[in-house]
Amino acid sequence: MRPTGWPLHTVTVCDLAQNDFKCEATGVLGPAGRVFYVSPESVYVWTTDWAPYGQQSKAGSTLYRMPLDGSSPSAVGVSGSPVDQFSFLESEDKHLNVLVRFQLSR
């Protein structure tokens, strides 16, 4: 049975050097994310919305980017599936490279 509802993916940043322990959070609501990557500037969450077993559907995947500086998150539709966090590499020019495996639709 398919779960009802999507999780809230949240990144919380706290300045531990301050006495008031001020924290800020950024979140996105989306399908379950099994693979994530933390770069020096952002957190990336790769999500896939799977159909229940036996139902015809294409698995739709989305890559969410949540910057650590508190700016707005962004998202892009993606294909395939990364194996784990070692499939990600953010280059010096801020491009994200992801090695994915092919994803068969049912």
N, C-alpha and C. Protein backbone atom coordinates (compact mmCIF):
# COMPACT_ATOMS: atom_id res chain seq x y z
N MET A 1 0.84 -1.18 0.00
CA MET A 1 0.00 0.00 0.00
C MET A 1 0.89 1.24 0.00
N ARG A 2 0.52 2.21 -0.78
CA ARG A 2 1.28 3.45 -0.89
C ARG A 2 1.02 4.36 0.30
N PRO A 3 2.09 4.93 0.88
CA PRO A 3 1.89 5.85 2.00
C PRO A 3 1.09 7.07 1.56
N THR A 4 0.31 7.63 2.47
CA THR A 4 -0.46 8.83 2.15
C THR A 4 0.34 10.04 2.61
N GLY A 5 0.71 10.85 1.71
CA GLY A 5 1.46 12.06 2.06
C GLY A 5 2.94 11.93 1.77
N TRP A 6 3.57 13.06 1.71
CA TRP A 6 5.00 13.14 1.44
C TRP A 6 5.74 13.65 2.66
N PRO A 7 7.00 13.29 2.79
CA PRO A 7 7.80 13.80 3.91
C PRO A 7 8.24 15.24 3.67
N LEU A 8 8.57 15.92 4.74
CA LEU A 8 9.15 17.25 4.68
C LEU A 8 10.65 17.11 4.83
N HIS A 9 11.40 17.42 3.77
CA HIS A 9 12.86 17.37 3.79
C HIS A 9 13.34 18.72 4.33
N THR A 10 14.07 18.71 5.42
CA THR A 10 14.45 19.95 6.10
C THR A 10 15.94 20.01 6.36
N VAL A 11 16.50 21.19 6.16
CA VAL A 11 17.88 21.48 6.51
C VAL A 11 17.84 22.60 7.54
N THR A 12 18.44 22.35 8.71
CA THR A 12 18.49 23.34 9.78
C THR A 12 19.94 23.77 9.98
N VAL A 13 20.16 25.07 9.99
CA VAL A 13 21.50 25.64 10.18
C VAL A 13 21.48 26.47 11.46
N CYS A 14 22.40 26.16 12.38
CA CYS A 14 22.50 26.87 13.66
C CYS A 14 23.89 27.45 13.81
N ASP A 15 23.96 28.69 14.31
CA ASP A 15 25.25 29.31 14.60
C ASP A 15 25.60 28.99 16.05
N LEU A 16 26.44 27.98 16.23
CA LEU A 16 26.78 27.51 17.56
C LEU A 16 27.70 28.46 18.32
N ALA A 17 28.29 29.43 17.61
CA ALA A 17 29.19 30.38 18.26
C ALA A 17 28.43 31.50 18.97
N GLN A 18 27.16 31.65 18.68
CA GLN A 18 26.36 32.71 19.30
C GLN A 18 25.70 32.21 20.58
N ASN A 19 25.53 33.10 21.53
CA ASN A 19 24.91 32.73 22.81
C ASN A 19 23.41 32.46 22.70
N ASP A 20 22.74 33.08 21.73
CA ASP A 20 21.28 32.91 21.61
C ASP A 20 20.88 31.65 20.85
N PHE A 21 21.87 30.91 20.30
CA PHE A 21 21.62 29.65 19.60
C PHE A 21 20.53 29.82 18.54
N LYS A 22 20.70 30.82 17.69
CA LYS A 22 19.74 31.10 16.62
C LYS A 22 19.88 30.07 15.50
N CYS A 23 18.75 29.52 15.07
CA CYS A 23 18.72 28.53 13.99
C CYS A 23 17.74 28.98 12.91
N GLU A 24 18.03 28.58 11.67
CA GLU A 24 17.13 28.81 10.55
C GLU A 24 16.96 27.51 9.81
N ALA A 25 15.76 27.27 9.28
CA ALA A 25 15.48 26.02 8.58
C ALA A 25 14.90 26.30 7.19
N THR A 26 15.24 25.43 6.26
CA THR A 26 14.69 25.45 4.91
C THR A 26 14.11 24.07 4.66
N GLY A 27 12.93 24.01 4.06
CA GLY A 27 12.33 22.70 3.81
C GLY A 27 11.60 22.65 2.48
N VAL A 28 11.48 21.43 1.97
CA VAL A 28 10.69 21.17 0.77
C VAL A 28 9.83 19.94 1.03
N LEU A 29 8.65 19.95 0.48
CA LEU A 29 7.73 18.82 0.60
C LEU A 29 7.80 18.03 -0.69
N GLY A 30 8.14 16.74 -0.59
CA GLY A 30 8.26 15.94 -1.80
C GLY A 30 8.29 14.47 -1.49
N PRO A 31 8.41 13.65 -2.53
CA PRO A 31 8.46 12.20 -2.33
C PRO A 31 9.66 11.80 -1.46
N ALA A 32 9.66 10.57 -1.03
CA ALA A 32 10.74 10.07 -0.19
C ALA A 32 12.08 10.21 -0.91
N GLY A 33 13.09 10.59 -0.16
CA GLY A 33 14.44 10.73 -0.70
C GLY A 33 15.36 9.75 -0.02
N ARG A 34 15.95 8.86 -0.79
CA ARG A 34 16.83 7.85 -0.21
C ARG A 34 18.29 8.22 -0.36
N VAL A 35 18.60 9.16 -1.25
CA VAL A 35 19.98 9.55 -1.47
C VAL A 35 20.08 11.06 -1.32
N PHE A 36 21.04 11.50 -0.51
CA PHE A 36 21.28 12.92 -0.37
C PHE A 36 22.78 13.18 -0.38
N TYR A 37 23.14 14.43 -0.68
CA TYR A 37 24.53 14.83 -0.76
C TYR A 37 24.66 16.21 -0.13
N VAL A 38 25.68 16.38 0.71
CA VAL A 38 25.94 17.68 1.33
C VAL A 38 27.24 18.22 0.76
N SER A 39 27.16 19.34 0.07
CA SER A 39 28.34 20.01 -0.46
C SER A 39 28.70 21.15 0.50
N PRO A 40 29.79 21.85 0.28
CA PRO A 40 30.13 22.97 1.16
C PRO A 40 29.07 24.08 1.18
N GLU A 41 28.22 24.15 0.14
CA GLU A 41 27.25 25.24 0.05
C GLU A 41 25.78 24.83 0.04
N SER A 42 25.48 23.55 -0.19
CA SER A 42 24.09 23.13 -0.34
C SER A 42 23.88 21.69 0.10
N VAL A 43 22.61 21.36 0.35
CA VAL A 43 22.20 19.98 0.55
C VAL A 43 21.33 19.61 -0.64
N TYR A 44 21.62 18.46 -1.25
CA TYR A 44 20.87 17.96 -2.39
C TYR A 44 20.11 16.70 -1.96
N VAL A 45 18.83 16.60 -2.32
CA VAL A 45 18.02 15.41 -2.02
C VAL A 45 17.43 14.90 -3.33
N TRP A 46 17.73 13.64 -3.68
CA TRP A 46 17.21 12.99 -4.88
C TRP A 46 15.99 12.19 -4.46
N THR A 47 14.83 12.54 -4.99
CA THR A 47 13.59 11.87 -4.61
C THR A 47 12.98 11.15 -5.80
N THR A 48 12.24 10.08 -5.53
CA THR A 48 11.53 9.35 -6.57
C THR A 48 10.14 9.00 -6.07
N ASP A 49 9.13 9.32 -6.86
CA ASP A 49 7.74 9.02 -6.52
C ASP A 49 7.35 7.73 -7.23
N TRP A 50 7.44 6.60 -6.54
CA TRP A 50 7.17 5.28 -7.11
C TRP A 50 5.68 4.96 -7.05
N ALA A 51 5.21 4.21 -8.03
CA ALA A 51 3.84 3.71 -8.04
C ALA A 51 3.78 2.41 -7.25
N PRO A 52 2.66 2.11 -6.63
CA PRO A 52 2.52 0.83 -5.93
C PRO A 52 2.74 -0.35 -6.87
N TYR A 53 3.20 -1.46 -6.33
CA TYR A 53 3.48 -2.65 -7.12
C TYR A 53 2.25 -3.06 -7.92
N GLY A 54 2.44 -3.34 -9.20
CA GLY A 54 1.36 -3.80 -10.06
C GLY A 54 0.63 -2.69 -10.80
N GLN A 55 0.89 -1.44 -10.46
CA GLN A 55 0.23 -0.34 -11.15
C GLN A 55 1.17 0.23 -12.20
N GLN A 56 0.64 0.54 -13.36
CA GLN A 56 1.43 1.13 -14.44
C GLN A 56 1.69 2.59 -14.13
N SER A 57 2.96 2.96 -14.08
CA SER A 57 3.31 4.35 -13.85
C SER A 57 4.80 4.53 -14.08
N LYS A 58 5.18 5.68 -14.54
CA LYS A 58 6.59 6.01 -14.65
C LYS A 58 7.01 6.62 -13.32
N ALA A 59 8.15 6.19 -12.82
CA ALA A 59 8.67 6.77 -11.59
C ALA A 59 9.21 8.15 -11.91
N GLY A 60 8.66 9.15 -11.27
CA GLY A 60 9.11 10.52 -11.47
C GLY A 60 10.13 10.90 -10.42
N SER A 61 11.30 11.37 -10.85
CA SER A 61 12.35 11.75 -9.90
C SER A 61 12.58 13.25 -9.96
N THR A 62 12.93 13.81 -8.80
CA THR A 62 13.22 15.23 -8.67
C THR A 62 14.47 15.40 -7.82
N LEU A 63 15.32 16.34 -8.19
CA LEU A 63 16.49 16.69 -7.39
C LEU A 63 16.23 18.05 -6.77
N TYR A 64 16.22 18.09 -5.44
CA TYR A 64 16.03 19.33 -4.71
C TYR A 64 17.38 19.85 -4.23
N ARG A 65 17.57 21.17 -4.30
CA ARG A 65 18.77 21.82 -3.79
C ARG A 65 18.34 22.81 -2.72
N MET A 66 18.89 22.63 -1.51
CA MET A 66 18.61 23.55 -0.40
C MET A 66 19.92 24.20 0.03
N PRO A 67 20.12 25.48 -0.35
CA PRO A 67 21.36 26.17 -0.01
C PRO A 67 21.52 26.35 1.51
N LEU A 68 22.74 26.25 1.98
CA LEU A 68 23.01 26.40 3.40
C LEU A 68 23.01 27.86 3.85
N ASP A 69 22.98 28.80 2.89
CA ASP A 69 22.97 30.22 3.25
C ASP A 69 21.56 30.76 3.51
N GLY A 70 20.55 29.88 3.45
CA GLY A 70 19.18 30.29 3.73
C GLY A 70 18.42 30.80 2.52
N SER A 71 19.05 30.86 1.36
CA SER A 71 18.33 31.30 0.17
C SER A 71 17.32 30.22 -0.26
N SER A 72 16.49 30.56 -1.20
CA SER A 72 15.38 29.70 -1.60
C SER A 72 15.85 28.38 -2.19
N PRO A 73 15.12 27.30 -1.88
CA PRO A 73 15.44 26.00 -2.50
C PRO A 73 15.03 26.00 -3.97
N SER A 74 15.56 25.04 -4.72
CA SER A 74 15.20 24.88 -6.12
C SER A 74 15.05 23.40 -6.42
N ALA A 75 14.46 23.09 -7.57
CA ALA A 75 14.23 21.69 -7.94
C ALA A 75 14.32 21.55 -9.45
N VAL A 76 14.68 20.33 -9.88
CA VAL A 76 14.75 20.03 -11.30
C VAL A 76 14.34 18.57 -11.49
N GLY A 77 13.59 18.28 -12.56
CA GLY A 77 13.23 16.91 -12.90
C GLY A 77 14.46 16.17 -13.40
N VAL A 78 14.64 14.94 -12.95
CA VAL A 78 15.83 14.16 -13.30
C VAL A 78 15.43 12.74 -13.70
N SER A 79 16.36 12.02 -14.31
CA SER A 79 16.14 10.63 -14.70
C SER A 79 17.23 9.76 -14.12
N GLY A 80 16.93 8.49 -13.98
CA GLY A 80 17.91 7.56 -13.44
C GLY A 80 17.89 7.59 -11.92
N SER A 81 18.91 6.96 -11.35
CA SER A 81 18.96 6.86 -9.89
C SER A 81 20.41 6.77 -9.43
N PRO A 82 20.86 7.67 -8.54
CA PRO A 82 22.21 7.55 -8.02
C PRO A 82 22.29 6.39 -7.04
N VAL A 83 23.46 5.77 -6.93
CA VAL A 83 23.64 4.64 -6.03
C VAL A 83 23.67 5.11 -4.58
N ASP A 84 24.46 6.14 -4.31
CA ASP A 84 24.60 6.67 -2.95
C ASP A 84 25.19 8.07 -3.04
N GLN A 85 25.57 8.65 -1.89
CA GLN A 85 26.08 10.02 -1.88
C GLN A 85 27.42 10.15 -2.61
N PHE A 86 28.13 9.05 -2.83
CA PHE A 86 29.39 9.10 -3.56
C PHE A 86 29.17 9.21 -5.07
N SER A 87 27.92 9.18 -5.52
CA SER A 87 27.59 9.37 -6.93
C SER A 87 27.57 10.85 -7.30
N PHE A 88 27.67 11.74 -6.31
CA PHE A 88 27.57 13.18 -6.51
C PHE A 88 28.95 13.83 -6.46
N LEU A 89 29.14 14.87 -7.27
CA LEU A 89 30.35 15.68 -7.21
C LEU A 89 30.00 17.09 -7.65
N GLU A 90 30.17 18.05 -6.77
CA GLU A 90 29.97 19.45 -7.13
C GLU A 90 31.32 20.02 -7.51
N SER A 91 31.43 20.51 -8.76
CA SER A 91 32.71 21.02 -9.25
C SER A 91 32.98 22.42 -8.70
N GLU A 92 34.19 22.90 -8.92
CA GLU A 92 34.58 24.22 -8.42
C GLU A 92 33.73 25.33 -9.04
N ASP A 93 33.21 25.11 -10.26
CA ASP A 93 32.36 26.12 -10.90
C ASP A 93 30.89 25.96 -10.52
N LYS A 94 30.62 25.19 -9.46
CA LYS A 94 29.28 25.01 -8.86
C LYS A 94 28.33 24.18 -9.70
N HIS A 95 28.83 23.39 -10.64
CA HIS A 95 27.98 22.45 -11.38
C HIS A 95 27.93 21.14 -10.61
N LEU A 96 26.75 20.56 -10.54
CA LEU A 96 26.59 19.28 -9.85
C LEU A 96 26.62 18.16 -10.89
N ASN A 97 27.53 17.24 -10.70
CA ASN A 97 27.64 16.06 -11.56
C ASN A 97 27.15 14.86 -10.77
N VAL A 98 26.28 14.05 -11.38
CA VAL A 98 25.72 12.88 -10.70
C VAL A 98 25.82 11.67 -11.62
N LEU A 99 26.42 10.62 -11.12
CA LEU A 99 26.48 9.35 -11.83
C LEU A 99 25.23 8.57 -11.47
N VAL A 100 24.42 8.21 -12.48
CA VAL A 100 23.16 7.51 -12.23
C VAL A 100 23.14 6.17 -12.95
N ARG A 101 22.32 5.29 -12.44
CA ARG A 101 22.07 4.02 -13.12
C ARG A 101 20.73 4.16 -13.83
N PHE A 102 20.56 3.39 -14.87
CA PHE A 102 19.34 3.43 -15.67
C PHE A 102 18.16 2.95 -14.84
N GLN A 103 17.03 3.56 -15.06
CA GLN A 103 15.83 3.25 -14.30
C GLN A 103 14.75 2.73 -15.25
N LEU A 104 14.39 1.48 -15.12
CA LEU A 104 13.36 0.90 -15.98
C LEU A 104 11.98 1.27 -15.48
N SER A 105 11.08 1.63 -16.39
CA SER A 105 9.69 1.84 -15.98
C SER A 105 8.96 0.52 -16.13
N ARG A 106 7.95 0.32 -15.31
CA ARG A 106 7.21 -0.93 -15.33
C ARG A 106 6.20 -0.97 -16.43
